[in-house]
Amino acid sequence: RWPQLQELAMANDSLVADPFFWPNANLGDDIAGGDTLHFYVKGDD
């Protein structure tokens, strides 16, 4: 569902407060579902 979310990101602020104008996001849809835990360690540099 990233394409639809990108459209929302470019939407006019006068629209986004109304849930009606938000793109579908239902069971089975994926948005960054494969992102993993990050574990940052400081290197010598």
PDB file of all heavy atoms in Angstrom:
ATOM      1  N   ARG A   1       0.807  -1.213   0.000  1.00  0.00           N
ATOM      2  CA  ARG A   1       0.000   0.000   0.000  1.00  0.00           C
ATOM      3  C   ARG A   1       0.848   1.276   0.000  1.00  0.00           C
ATOM      4  O   ARG A   1       0.321   2.365   0.254  1.00  0.00           O
ATOM      5  CB  ARG A   1      -0.935   0.004   1.211  1.00  0.00           C
ATOM      6  CG  ARG A   1      -2.063  -1.017   1.123  1.00  0.00           C
ATOM      7  CD  ARG A   1      -2.988  -0.720  -0.035  1.00  0.00           C
ATOM      8  NE  ARG A   1      -4.122  -1.648  -0.081  1.00  0.00           N
ATOM      9  CZ  ARG A   1      -5.006  -1.682  -1.068  1.00  0.00           C
ATOM     10  NH1 ARG A   1      -4.878  -0.835  -2.082  1.00  0.00           N
ATOM     11  NH2 ARG A   1      -6.004  -2.543  -1.049  1.00  0.00           N
ATOM     12  N   TRP A   2       2.137   1.147  -0.294  1.00  0.00           N
ATOM     13  CA  TRP A   2       2.975   2.342  -0.321  1.00  0.00           C
ATOM     14  C   TRP A   2       2.533   3.364  -1.370  1.00  0.00           C
ATOM     15  O   TRP A   2       2.572   4.576  -1.100  1.00  0.00           O
ATOM     16  CB  TRP A   2       4.441   1.960  -0.532  1.00  0.00           C
ATOM     17  CG  TRP A   2       5.184   1.769   0.750  1.00  0.00           C
ATOM     18  CD1 TRP A   2       5.699   0.613   1.236  1.00  0.00           C
ATOM     19  CD2 TRP A   2       5.489   2.769   1.723  1.00  0.00           C
ATOM     20  NE1 TRP A   2       6.302   0.820   2.450  1.00  0.00           N
ATOM     21  CE2 TRP A   2       6.188   2.146   2.777  1.00  0.00           C
ATOM     22  CE3 TRP A   2       5.228   4.132   1.827  1.00  0.00           C
ATOM     23  CZ2 TRP A   2       6.641   2.828   3.890  1.00  0.00           C
ATOM     24  CZ3 TRP A   2       5.683   4.821   2.949  1.00  0.00           C
ATOM     25  CH2 TRP A   2       6.373   4.171   3.962  1.00  0.00           C
ATOM     26  N   PRO A   3       2.134   2.964  -2.583  1.00  0.00           N
ATOM     27  CA  PRO A   3       1.705   3.986  -3.550  1.00  0.00           C
ATOM     28  C   PRO A   3       0.566   4.856  -3.022  1.00  0.00           C
ATOM     29  O   PRO A   3       0.572   6.078  -3.203  1.00  0.00           O
ATOM     30  CB  PRO A   3       1.261   3.143  -4.761  1.00  0.00           C
ATOM     31  CG  PRO A   3       2.063   1.889  -4.660  1.00  0.00           C
ATOM     32  CD  PRO A   3       2.147   1.610  -3.185  1.00  0.00           C
ATOM     33  N   GLN A   4      -0.422   4.228  -2.383  1.00  0.00           N
ATOM     34  CA  GLN A   4      -1.538   5.004  -1.840  1.00  0.00           C
ATOM     35  C   GLN A   4      -1.084   5.911  -0.701  1.00  0.00           C
ATOM     36  O   GLN A   4      -1.566   7.045  -0.560  1.00  0.00           O
ATOM     37  CB  GLN A   4      -2.646   4.061  -1.361  1.00  0.00           C
ATOM     38  CG  GLN A   4      -3.380   3.319  -2.474  1.00  0.00           C
ATOM     39  CD  GLN A   4      -2.629   2.100  -2.984  1.00  0.00           C
ATOM     40  OE1 GLN A   4      -1.573   1.742  -2.466  1.00  0.00           O
ATOM     41  NE2 GLN A   4      -3.182   1.466  -4.007  1.00  0.00           N
ATOM     42  N   LEU A   5      -0.151   5.412   0.120  1.00  0.00           N
ATOM     43  CA  LEU A   5       0.344   6.239   1.218  1.00  0.00           C
ATOM     44  C   LEU A   5       1.117   7.438   0.687  1.00  0.00           C
ATOM     45  O   LEU A   5       1.045   8.538   1.244  1.00  0.00           O
ATOM     46  CB  LEU A   5       1.224   5.399   2.151  1.00  0.00           C
ATOM     47  CG  LEU A   5       1.711   6.100   3.424  1.00  0.00           C
ATOM     48  CD1 LEU A   5       0.534   6.603   4.242  1.00  0.00           C
ATOM     49  CD2 LEU A   5       2.565   5.157   4.258  1.00  0.00           C
ATOM     50  N   GLN A   6       1.859   7.239  -0.400  1.00  0.00           N
ATOM     51  CA  GLN A   6       2.581   8.358  -1.003  1.00  0.00           C
ATOM     52  C   GLN A   6       1.601   9.412  -1.513  1.00  0.00           C
ATOM     53  O   GLN A   6       1.866  10.621  -1.413  1.00  0.00           O
ATOM     54  CB  GLN A   6       3.462   7.861  -2.153  1.00  0.00           C
ATOM     55  CG  GLN A   6       4.691   7.085  -1.704  1.00  0.00           C
ATOM     56  CD  GLN A   6       5.772   8.002  -1.144  1.00  0.00           C
ATOM     57  OE1 GLN A   6       5.524   9.137  -0.766  1.00  0.00           O
ATOM     58  NE2 GLN A   6       6.987   7.493  -1.071  1.00  0.00           N
ATOM     59  N   GLU A   7       0.475   8.980  -2.040  1.00  0.00           N
ATOM     60  CA  GLU A   7      -0.531   9.944  -2.474  1.00  0.00           C
ATOM     61  C   GLU A   7      -1.047  10.755  -1.289  1.00  0.00           C
ATOM     62  O   GLU A   7      -1.247  11.972  -1.383  1.00  0.00           O
ATOM     63  CB  GLU A   7      -1.687   9.223  -3.167  1.00  0.00           C
ATOM     64  CG  GLU A   7      -1.331   8.632  -4.519  1.00  0.00           C
ATOM     65  CD  GLU A   7      -2.508   7.925  -5.161  1.00  0.00           C
ATOM     66  OE1 GLU A   7      -3.612   7.968  -4.570  1.00  0.00           O
ATOM     67  OE2 GLU A   7      -2.337   7.337  -6.235  1.00  0.00           O
ATOM     68  N   LEU A   8      -1.267  10.071  -0.159  1.00  0.00           N
ATOM     69  CA  LEU A   8      -1.715  10.772   1.039  1.00  0.00           C
ATOM     70  C   LEU A   8      -0.673  11.790   1.478  1.00  0.00           C
ATOM     71  O   LEU A   8      -1.010  12.902   1.896  1.00  0.00           O
ATOM     72  CB  LEU A   8      -1.977   9.774   2.166  1.00  0.00           C
ATOM     73  CG  LEU A   8      -2.353  10.385   3.519  1.00  0.00           C
ATOM     74  CD1 LEU A   8      -3.723  11.036   3.453  1.00  0.00           C
ATOM     75  CD2 LEU A   8      -2.330   9.322   4.619  1.00  0.00           C
ATOM     76  N   ALA A   9       0.608  11.411   1.387  1.00  0.00           N
ATOM     77  CA  ALA A   9       1.679  12.310   1.820  1.00  0.00           C
ATOM     78  C   ALA A   9       1.692  13.601   1.024  1.00  0.00           C
ATOM     79  O   ALA A   9       2.192  14.632   1.500  1.00  0.00           O
ATOM     80  CB  ALA A   9       3.031  11.606   1.700  1.00  0.00           C
ATOM     81  N   MET A  10       1.143  13.565  -0.200  1.00  0.00           N
ATOM     82  CA  MET A  10       1.108  14.765  -1.040  1.00  0.00           C
ATOM     83  C   MET A  10      -0.243  15.463  -0.994  1.00  0.00           C
ATOM     84  O   MET A  10      -0.461  16.446  -1.705  1.00  0.00           O
ATOM     85  CB  MET A  10       1.461  14.392  -2.480  1.00  0.00           C
ATOM     86  CG  MET A  10       2.888  13.888  -2.650  1.00  0.00           C
ATOM     87  SD  MET A  10       3.326  13.540  -4.378  1.00  0.00           S
ATOM     88  CE  MET A  10       2.329  12.068  -4.673  1.00  0.00           C
ATOM     89  N   ALA A  11      -1.153  14.972  -0.164  1.00  0.00           N
ATOM     90  CA  ALA A  11      -2.505  15.537  -0.117  1.00  0.00           C
ATOM     91  C   ALA A  11      -2.516  16.898   0.563  1.00  0.00           C
ATOM     92  O   ALA A  11      -1.643  17.233   1.374  1.00  0.00           O
ATOM     93  CB  ALA A  11      -3.444  14.575   0.606  1.00  0.00           C
ATOM     94  N   ASN A  12      -3.539  17.664   0.262  1.00  0.00           N
ATOM     95  CA  ASN A  12      -3.725  18.966   0.890  1.00  0.00           C
ATOM     96  C   ASN A  12      -4.138  18.787   2.347  1.00  0.00           C
ATOM     97  O   ASN A  12      -4.952  17.919   2.673  1.00  0.00           O
ATOM     98  CB  ASN A  12      -4.794  19.757   0.125  1.00  0.00           C
ATOM     99  CG  ASN A  12      -4.863  21.198   0.561  1.00  0.00           C
ATOM    100  OD1 ASN A  12      -5.249  21.496   1.682  1.00  0.00           O
ATOM    101  ND2 ASN A  12      -4.506  22.094  -0.343  1.00  0.00           N
ATOM    102  N   ASP A  13      -3.585  19.623   3.232  1.00  0.00           N
ATOM    103  CA  ASP A  13      -3.896  19.507   4.658  1.00  0.00           C
ATOM    104  C   ASP A  13      -5.378  19.684   4.951  1.00  0.00           C
ATOM    105  O   ASP A  13      -5.877  19.198   5.976  1.00  0.00           O
ATOM    106  CB  ASP A  13      -3.098  20.546   5.455  1.00  0.00           C
ATOM    107  CG  ASP A  13      -1.664  20.110   5.694  1.00  0.00           C
ATOM    108  OD1 ASP A  13      -1.329  18.960   5.353  1.00  0.00           O
ATOM    109  OD2 ASP A  13      -0.874  20.922   6.224  1.00  0.00           O
ATOM    110  N   SER A  14      -6.093  20.372   4.076  1.00  0.00           N
ATOM    111  CA  SER A  14      -7.526  20.580   4.324  1.00  0.00           C
ATOM    112  C   SER A  14      -8.331  19.293   4.184  1.00  0.00           C
ATOM    113  O   SER A  14      -9.486  19.233   4.605  1.00  0.00           O
ATOM    114  CB  SER A  14      -8.075  21.636   3.359  1.00  0.00           C
ATOM    115  OG  SER A  14      -7.986  21.188   2.016  1.00  0.00           O
ATOM    116  N   LEU A  15      -7.717  18.239   3.622  1.00  0.00           N
ATOM    117  CA  LEU A  15      -8.417  16.980   3.425  1.00  0.00           C
ATOM    118  C   LEU A  15      -8.094  15.923   4.473  1.00  0.00           C
ATOM    119  O   LEU A  15      -8.951  15.107   4.815  1.00  0.00           O
ATOM    120  CB  LEU A  15      -8.084  16.413   2.035  1.00  0.00           C
ATOM    121  CG  LEU A  15      -8.441  17.271   0.818  1.00  0.00           C
ATOM    122  CD1 LEU A  15      -7.987  16.564  -0.457  1.00  0.00           C
ATOM    123  CD2 LEU A  15      -9.932  17.565   0.761  1.00  0.00           C
ATOM    124  N   VAL A  16      -6.855  15.897   4.975  1.00  0.00           N
ATOM    125  CA  VAL A  16      -6.396  14.726   5.724  1.00  0.00           C
ATOM    126  C   VAL A  16      -7.057  14.562   7.088  1.00  0.00           C
ATOM    127  O   VAL A  16      -7.007  13.471   7.663  1.00  0.00           O
ATOM    128  CB  VAL A  16      -4.857  14.739   5.881  1.00  0.00           C
ATOM    129  CG1 VAL A  16      -4.178  14.629   4.534  1.00  0.00           C
ATOM    130  CG2 VAL A  16      -4.387  15.972   6.639  1.00  0.00           C
ATOM    131  N   ALA A  17      -7.657  15.587   7.648  1.00  0.00           N
ATOM    132  CA  ALA A  17      -8.317  15.432   8.948  1.00  0.00           C
ATOM    133  C   ALA A  17      -9.556  14.549   8.861  1.00  0.00           C
ATOM    134  O   ALA A  17      -9.975  13.970   9.864  1.00  0.00           O
ATOM    135  CB  ALA A  17      -8.688  16.801   9.524  1.00  0.00           C
ATOM    136  N   ASP A  18     -10.126  14.420   7.666  1.00  0.00           N
ATOM    137  CA  ASP A  18     -11.317  13.595   7.477  1.00  0.00           C
ATOM    138  C   ASP A  18     -10.885  12.176   7.122  1.00  0.00           C
ATOM    139  O   ASP A  18     -10.231  11.958   6.097  1.00  0.00           O
ATOM    140  CB  ASP A  18     -12.176  14.174   6.361  1.00  0.00           C
ATOM    141  CG  ASP A  18     -13.541  13.500   6.246  1.00  0.00           C
ATOM    142  OD1 ASP A  18     -13.688  12.364   6.743  1.00  0.00           O
ATOM    143  OD2 ASP A  18     -14.439  14.108   5.653  1.00  0.00           O
ATOM    144  N   PRO A  19     -11.247  11.170   7.931  1.00  0.00           N
ATOM    145  CA  PRO A  19     -10.852   9.789   7.623  1.00  0.00           C
ATOM    146  C   PRO A  19     -11.290   9.328   6.233  1.00  0.00           C
ATOM    147  O   PRO A  19     -10.654   8.453   5.643  1.00  0.00           O
ATOM    148  CB  PRO A  19     -11.547   8.965   8.717  1.00  0.00           C
ATOM    149  CG  PRO A  19     -11.818   9.925   9.820  1.00  0.00           C
ATOM    150  CD  PRO A  19     -12.040  11.250   9.174  1.00  0.00           C
ATOM    151  N   PHE A  20     -12.353   9.944   5.698  1.00  0.00           N
ATOM    152  CA  PHE A  20     -12.877   9.533   4.400  1.00  0.00           C
ATOM    153  C   PHE A  20     -11.820   9.621   3.301  1.00  0.00           C
ATOM    154  O   PHE A  20     -11.816   8.812   2.354  1.00  0.00           O
ATOM    155  CB  PHE A  20     -14.084  10.411   4.028  1.00  0.00           C
ATOM    156  CG  PHE A  20     -14.644  10.145   2.654  1.00  0.00           C
ATOM    157  CD1 PHE A  20     -15.507   9.084   2.437  1.00  0.00           C
ATOM    158  CD2 PHE A  20     -14.298  10.959   1.575  1.00  0.00           C
ATOM    159  CE1 PHE A  20     -16.019   8.836   1.167  1.00  0.00           C
ATOM    160  CE2 PHE A  20     -14.805  10.710   0.306  1.00  0.00           C
ATOM    161  CZ  PHE A  20     -15.668   9.653   0.097  1.00  0.00           C
ATOM    162  N   PHE A  21     -10.921  10.584   3.402  1.00  0.00           N
ATOM    163  CA  PHE A  21      -9.946  10.808   2.337  1.00  0.00           C
ATOM    164  C   PHE A  21      -8.676   9.984   2.502  1.00  0.00           C
ATOM    165  O   PHE A  21      -7.762  10.103   1.684  1.00  0.00           O
ATOM    166  CB  PHE A  21      -9.591  12.301   2.272  1.00  0.00           C
ATOM    167  CG  PHE A  21     -10.734  13.163   1.820  1.00  0.00           C
ATOM    168  CD1 PHE A  21     -11.440  13.939   2.730  1.00  0.00           C
ATOM    169  CD2 PHE A  21     -11.122  13.181   0.494  1.00  0.00           C
ATOM    170  CE1 PHE A  21     -12.506  14.724   2.319  1.00  0.00           C
ATOM    171  CE2 PHE A  21     -12.189  13.966   0.072  1.00  0.00           C
ATOM    172  CZ  PHE A  21     -12.884  14.739   0.987  1.00  0.00           C
ATOM    173  N   TRP A  22      -8.618   9.151   3.517  1.00  0.00           N
ATOM    174  CA  TRP A  22      -7.430   8.317   3.695  1.00  0.00           C
ATOM    175  C   TRP A  22      -7.547   7.056   2.839  1.00  0.00           C
ATOM    176  O   TRP A  22      -8.629   6.472   2.726  1.00  0.00           O
ATOM    177  CB  TRP A  22      -7.273   7.941   5.174  1.00  0.00           C
ATOM    178  CG  TRP A  22      -6.688   9.071   5.973  1.00  0.00           C
ATOM    179  CD1 TRP A  22      -7.206  10.324   6.128  1.00  0.00           C
ATOM    180  CD2 TRP A  22      -5.469   9.060   6.714  1.00  0.00           C
ATOM    181  NE1 TRP A  22      -6.398  11.089   6.925  1.00  0.00           N
ATOM    182  CE2 TRP A  22      -5.318  10.336   7.301  1.00  0.00           C
ATOM    183  CE3 TRP A  22      -4.500   8.093   6.944  1.00  0.00           C
ATOM    184  CZ2 TRP A  22      -4.235  10.666   8.094  1.00  0.00           C
ATOM    185  CZ3 TRP A  22      -3.416   8.420   7.744  1.00  0.00           C
ATOM    186  CH2 TRP A  22      -3.281   9.688   8.308  1.00  0.00           C
ATOM    187  N   PRO A  23      -6.439   6.612   2.243  1.00  0.00           N
ATOM    188  CA  PRO A  23      -6.476   5.411   1.403  1.00  0.00           C
ATOM    189  C   PRO A  23      -6.685   4.155   2.242  1.00  0.00           C
ATOM    190  O   PRO A  23      -6.343   4.117   3.426  1.00  0.00           O
ATOM    191  CB  PRO A  23      -5.097   5.404   0.732  1.00  0.00           C
ATOM    192  CG  PRO A  23      -4.213   6.153   1.671  1.00  0.00           C
ATOM    193  CD  PRO A  23      -5.085   7.209   2.287  1.00  0.00           C
ATOM    194  N   ASN A  24      -7.219   3.124   1.636  1.00  0.00           N
ATOM    195  CA  ASN A  24      -7.514   1.882   2.340  1.00  0.00           C
ATOM    196  C   ASN A  24      -6.261   1.291   2.990  1.00  0.00           C
ATOM    197  O   ASN A  24      -5.174   1.293   2.413  1.00  0.00           O
ATOM    198  CB  ASN A  24      -8.107   0.848   1.390  1.00  0.00           C
ATOM    199  CG  ASN A  24      -9.509   1.212   0.944  1.00  0.00           C
ATOM    200  OD1 ASN A  24     -10.104   2.168   1.448  1.00  0.00           O
ATOM    201  ND2 ASN A  24     -10.040   0.469  -0.004  1.00  0.00           N
ATOM    202  N   ALA A  25      -6.446   0.773   4.190  1.00  0.00           N
ATOM    203  CA  ALA A  25      -5.405   0.008   4.891  1.00  0.00           C
ATOM    204  C   ALA A  25      -6.132  -1.000   5.770  1.00  0.00           C
ATOM    205  O   ALA A  25      -6.532  -0.691   6.889  1.00  0.00           O
ATOM    206  CB  ALA A  25      -4.506   0.919   5.722  1.00  0.00           C
ATOM    207  N   ASN A  26      -6.311  -2.201   5.215  1.00  0.00           N
ATOM    208  CA  ASN A  26      -7.085  -3.247   5.889  1.00  0.00           C
ATOM    209  C   ASN A  26      -6.237  -4.484   6.113  1.00  0.00           C
ATOM    210  O   ASN A  26      -5.077  -4.543   5.711  1.00  0.00           O
ATOM    211  CB  ASN A  26      -8.331  -3.595   5.065  1.00  0.00           C
ATOM    212  CG  ASN A  26      -9.253  -2.408   4.843  1.00  0.00           C
ATOM    213  OD1 ASN A  26      -9.507  -2.030   3.707  1.00  0.00           O
ATOM    214  ND2 ASN A  26      -9.752  -1.824   5.909  1.00  0.00           N
ATOM    215  N   LEU A  27      -6.828  -5.473   6.778  1.00  0.00           N
ATOM    216  CA  LEU A  27      -6.134  -6.722   7.035  1.00  0.00           C
ATOM    217  C   LEU A  27      -5.623  -7.315   5.716  1.00  0.00           C
ATOM    218  O   LEU A  27      -6.370  -7.444   4.752  1.00  0.00           O
ATOM    219  CB  LEU A  27      -7.071  -7.703   7.728  1.00  0.00           C
ATOM    220  CG  LEU A  27      -6.457  -9.026   8.191  1.00  0.00           C
ATOM    221  CD1 LEU A  27      -5.419  -8.785   9.266  1.00  0.00           C
ATOM    222  CD2 LEU A  27      -7.554  -9.957   8.707  1.00  0.00           C
ATOM    223  N   GLY A  28      -4.351  -7.657   5.675  1.00  0.00           N
ATOM    224  CA  GLY A  28      -3.727  -8.177   4.471  1.00  0.00           C
ATOM    225  C   GLY A  28      -2.917  -7.157   3.716  1.00  0.00           C
ATOM    226  O   GLY A  28      -2.097  -7.518   2.855  1.00  0.00           O
ATOM    227  N   ASP A  29      -3.127  -5.869   4.010  1.00  0.00           N
ATOM    228  CA  ASP A  29      -2.320  -4.827   3.374  1.00  0.00           C
ATOM    229  C   ASP A  29      -0.977  -4.707   4.074  1.00  0.00           C
ATOM    230  O   ASP A  29      -0.851  -4.994   5.274  1.00  0.00           O
ATOM    231  CB  ASP A  29      -3.055  -3.488   3.408  1.00  0.00           C
ATOM    232  CG  ASP A  29      -4.285  -3.489   2.507  1.00  0.00           C
ATOM    233  OD1 ASP A  29      -4.300  -4.277   1.548  1.00  0.00           O
ATOM    234  OD2 ASP A  29      -5.214  -2.709   2.771  1.00  0.00           O
ATOM    235  N   ASP A  30       0.021  -4.268   3.336  1.00  0.00           N
ATOM    236  CA  ASP A  30       1.381  -4.184   3.875  1.00  0.00           C
ATOM    237  C   ASP A  30       1.940  -2.783   3.682  1.00  0.00           C
ATOM    238  O   ASP A  30       1.917  -2.239   2.571  1.00  0.00           O
ATOM    239  CB  ASP A  30       2.295  -5.196   3.182  1.00  0.00           C
ATOM    240  CG  ASP A  30       3.677  -5.270   3.829  1.00  0.00           C
ATOM    241  OD1 ASP A  30       4.511  -4.377   3.565  1.00  0.00           O
ATOM    242  OD2 ASP A  30       3.905  -6.208   4.606  1.00  0.00           O
ATOM    243  N   ILE A  31       2.406  -2.208   4.781  1.00  0.00           N
ATOM    244  CA  ILE A  31       3.137  -0.942   4.742  1.00  0.00           C
ATOM    245  C   ILE A  31       4.337  -1.104   5.672  1.00  0.00           C
ATOM    246  O   ILE A  31       4.179  -1.180   6.885  1.00  0.00           O
ATOM    247  CB  ILE A  31       2.277   0.252   5.206  1.00  0.00           C
ATOM    248  CG1 ILE A  31       0.993   0.348   4.388  1.00  0.00           C
ATOM    249  CG2 ILE A  31       3.065   1.551   5.106  1.00  0.00           C
ATOM    250  CD1 ILE A  31       0.013   1.404   4.892  1.00  0.00           C
ATOM    251  N   ALA A  32       5.506  -1.212   5.101  1.00  0.00           N
ATOM    252  CA  ALA A  32       6.740  -1.394   5.868  1.00  0.00           C
ATOM    253  C   ALA A  32       6.658  -2.601   6.793  1.00  0.00           C
ATOM    254  O   ALA A  32       7.268  -2.616   7.866  1.00  0.00           O
ATOM    255  CB  ALA A  32       7.071  -0.129   6.677  1.00  0.00           C
ATOM    256  N   GLY A  33       5.930  -3.625   6.361  1.00  0.00           N
ATOM    257  CA  GLY A  33       5.756  -4.808   7.202  1.00  0.00           C
ATOM    258  C   GLY A  33       6.996  -5.659   7.339  1.00  0.00           C
ATOM    259  O   GLY A  33       7.088  -6.475   8.254  1.00  0.00           O
ATOM    260  N   GLY A  34       7.960  -5.487   6.435  1.00  0.00           N
ATOM    261  CA  GLY A  34       9.189  -6.267   6.502  1.00  0.00           C
ATOM    262  C   GLY A  34      10.343  -5.552   7.166  1.00  0.00           C
ATOM    263  O   GLY A  34      11.457  -6.094   7.227  1.00  0.00           O
ATOM    264  N   ASP A  35      10.104  -4.344   7.678  1.00  0.00           N
ATOM    265  CA  ASP A  35      11.170  -3.630   8.390  1.00  0.00           C
ATOM    266  C   ASP A  35      11.580  -4.409   9.630  1.00  0.00           C
ATOM    267  O   ASP A  35      10.731  -4.988  10.322  1.00  0.00           O
ATOM    268  CB  ASP A  35      10.707  -2.233   8.803  1.00  0.00           C
ATOM    269  CG  ASP A  35      10.706  -1.258   7.637  1.00  0.00           C
ATOM    270  OD1 ASP A  35      11.024  -1.687   6.511  1.00  0.00           O
ATOM    271  OD2 ASP A  35      10.370  -0.078   7.844  1.00  0.00           O
ATOM    272  N   THR A  36      12.854  -4.397   9.936  1.00  0.00           N
ATOM    273  CA  THR A  36      13.368  -5.188  11.049  1.00  0.00           C
ATOM    274  C   THR A  36      13.944  -4.312  12.149  1.00  0.00           C
ATOM    275  O   THR A  36      14.275  -3.139  11.933  1.00  0.00           O
ATOM    276  CB  THR A  36      14.458  -6.156  10.568  1.00  0.00           C
ATOM    277  OG1 THR A  36      15.611  -5.401  10.153  1.00  0.00           O
ATOM    278  CG2 THR A  36      13.974  -6.989   9.394  1.00  0.00           C
ATOM    279  N   LEU A  37      14.064  -4.890  13.314  1.00  0.00           N
ATOM    280  CA  LEU A  37      14.743  -4.240  14.428  1.00  0.00           C
ATOM    281  C   LEU A  37      16.131  -3.791  13.976  1.00  0.00           C
ATOM    282  O   LEU A  37      16.814  -4.500  13.238  1.00  0.00           O
ATOM    283  CB  LEU A  37      14.866  -5.223  15.588  1.00  0.00           C
ATOM    284  CG  LEU A  37      15.414  -4.673  16.907  1.00  0.00           C
ATOM    285  CD1 LEU A  37      14.280  -4.073  17.720  1.00  0.00           C
ATOM    286  CD2 LEU A  37      16.086  -5.779  17.713  1.00  0.00           C
ATOM    287  N   HIS A  38      16.561  -2.605  14.401  1.00  0.00           N
ATOM    288  CA  HIS A  38      17.919  -2.131  14.140  1.00  0.00           C
ATOM    289  C   HIS A  38      18.702  -2.113  15.443  1.00  0.00           C
ATOM    290  O   HIS A  38      18.147  -1.818  16.515  1.00  0.00           O
ATOM    291  CB  HIS A  38      17.903  -0.731  13.526  1.00  0.00           C
ATOM    292  CG  HIS A  38      17.759  -0.742  12.026  1.00  0.00           C
ATOM    293  ND1 HIS A  38      16.841  -1.535  11.375  1.00  0.00           N
ATOM    294  CD2 HIS A  38      18.428  -0.057  11.051  1.00  0.00           C
ATOM    295  CE1 HIS A  38      16.929  -1.331  10.067  1.00  0.00           C
ATOM    296  NE2 HIS A  38      17.899  -0.452   9.852  1.00  0.00           N
ATOM    297  N   PHE A  39      19.987  -2.394  15.336  1.00  0.00           N
ATOM    298  CA  PHE A  39      20.862  -2.434  16.504  1.00  0.00           C
ATOM    299  C   PHE A  39      22.172  -1.749  16.114  1.00  0.00           C
ATOM    300  O   PHE A  39      23.059  -2.352  15.535  1.00  0.00           O
ATOM    301  CB  PHE A  39      21.109  -3.880  16.940  1.00  0.00           C
ATOM    302  CG  PHE A  39      21.784  -4.032  18.272  1.00  0.00           C
ATOM    303  CD1 PHE A  39      21.041  -4.090  19.442  1.00  0.00           C
ATOM    304  CD2 PHE A  39      23.168  -4.104  18.361  1.00  0.00           C
ATOM    305  CE1 PHE A  39      21.662  -4.231  20.677  1.00  0.00           C
ATOM    306  CE2 PHE A  39      23.801  -4.251  19.588  1.00  0.00           C
ATOM    307  CZ  PHE A  39      23.044  -4.316  20.748  1.00  0.00           C
ATOM    308  N   TYR A  40      22.234  -0.451  16.409  1.00  0.00           N
ATOM    309  CA  TYR A  40      23.386   0.358  16.008  1.00  0.00           C
ATOM    310  C   TYR A  40      24.514   0.257  17.031  1.00  0.00           C
ATOM    311  O   TYR A  40      24.300   0.434  18.239  1.00  0.00           O
ATOM    312  CB  TYR A  40      22.985   1.821  15.862  1.00  0.00           C
ATOM    313  CG  TYR A  40      22.254   2.139  14.584  1.00  0.00           C
ATOM    314  CD1 TYR A  40      20.907   2.501  14.595  1.00  0.00           C
ATOM    315  CD2 TYR A  40      22.906   2.100  13.356  1.00  0.00           C
ATOM    316  CE1 TYR A  40      20.231   2.812  13.427  1.00  0.00           C
ATOM    317  CE2 TYR A  40      22.245   2.410  12.178  1.00  0.00           C
ATOM    318  CZ  TYR A  40      20.911   2.762  12.220  1.00  0.00           C
ATOM    319  OH  TYR A  40      20.240   3.072  11.059  1.00  0.00           O
ATOM    320  N   VAL A  41      25.721   0.017  16.529  1.00  0.00           N
ATOM    321  CA  VAL A  41      26.931  -0.061  17.343  1.00  0.00           C
ATOM    322  C   VAL A  41      27.938   0.946  16.802  1.00  0.00           C
ATOM    323  O   VAL A  41      28.105   1.076  15.580  1.00  0.00           O
ATOM    324  CB  VAL A  41      27.521  -1.488  17.313  1.00  0.00           C
ATOM    325  CG1 VAL A  41      28.876  -1.536  18.002  1.00  0.00           C
ATOM    326  CG2 VAL A  41      26.548  -2.470  17.973  1.00  0.00           C
ATOM    327  N   LYS A  42      28.614   1.641  17.684  1.00  0.00           N
ATOM    328  CA  LYS A  42      29.586   2.664  17.285  1.00  0.00           C
ATOM    329  C   LYS A  42      30.912   2.021  16.887  1.00  0.00           C
ATOM    330  O   LYS A  42      31.481   1.226  17.624  1.00  0.00           O
ATOM    331  CB  LYS A  42      29.812   3.641  18.436  1.00  0.00           C
ATOM    332  CG  LYS A  42      30.652   4.855  18.074  1.00  0.00           C
ATOM    333  CD  LYS A  42      30.715   5.812  19.261  1.00  0.00           C
ATOM    334  CE  LYS A  42      31.496   7.066  18.928  1.00  0.00           C
ATOM    335  NZ  LYS A  42      31.551   7.993  20.097  1.00  0.00           N
ATOM    336  N   GLY A  43      31.376   2.368  15.689  1.00  0.00           N
ATOM    337  CA  GLY A  43      32.648   1.855  15.205  1.00  0.00           C
ATOM    338  C   GLY A  43      33.823   2.715  15.640  1.00  0.00           C
ATOM    339  O   GLY A  43      33.656   3.772  16.263  1.00  0.00           O
ATOM    340  N   ASP A  44      35.025   2.266  15.300  1.00  0.00           N
ATOM    341  CA  ASP A  44      36.237   2.990  15.692  1.00  0.00           C
ATOM    342  C   ASP A  44      36.311   4.374  15.057  1.00  0.00           C
ATOM    343  O   ASP A  44      36.982   5.273  15.594  1.00  0.00           O
ATOM    344  CB  ASP A  44      37.482   2.182  15.298  1.00  0.00           C
ATOM    345  CG  ASP A  44      37.608   0.893  16.091  1.00  0.00           C
ATOM    346  OD1 ASP A  44      37.032   0.827  17.200  1.00  0.00           O
ATOM    347  OD2 ASP A  44      38.271  -0.044  15.613  1.00  0.00           O
ATOM    348  N   ASP A  45      35.647   4.560  13.905  1.00  0.00           N
ATOM    349  CA  ASP A  45      35.676   5.855  13.229  1.00  0.00           C
ATOM    350  C   ASP A  45      34.594   6.803  13.723  1.00  0.00           C
ATOM    351  O   ASP A  45      34.431   7.904  13.190  1.00  0.00           O
ATOM    352  CB  ASP A  45      35.556   5.665  11.718  1.00  0.00           C
ATOM    353  CG  ASP A  45      34.243   4.974  11.317  1.00  0.00           C
ATOM    354  OD1 ASP A  45      33.480   4.577  12.230  1.00  0.00           O
ATOM    355  OD2 ASP A  45      34.009   4.819  10.106  1.00  0.00           O
TER     356      ASP A  45
END
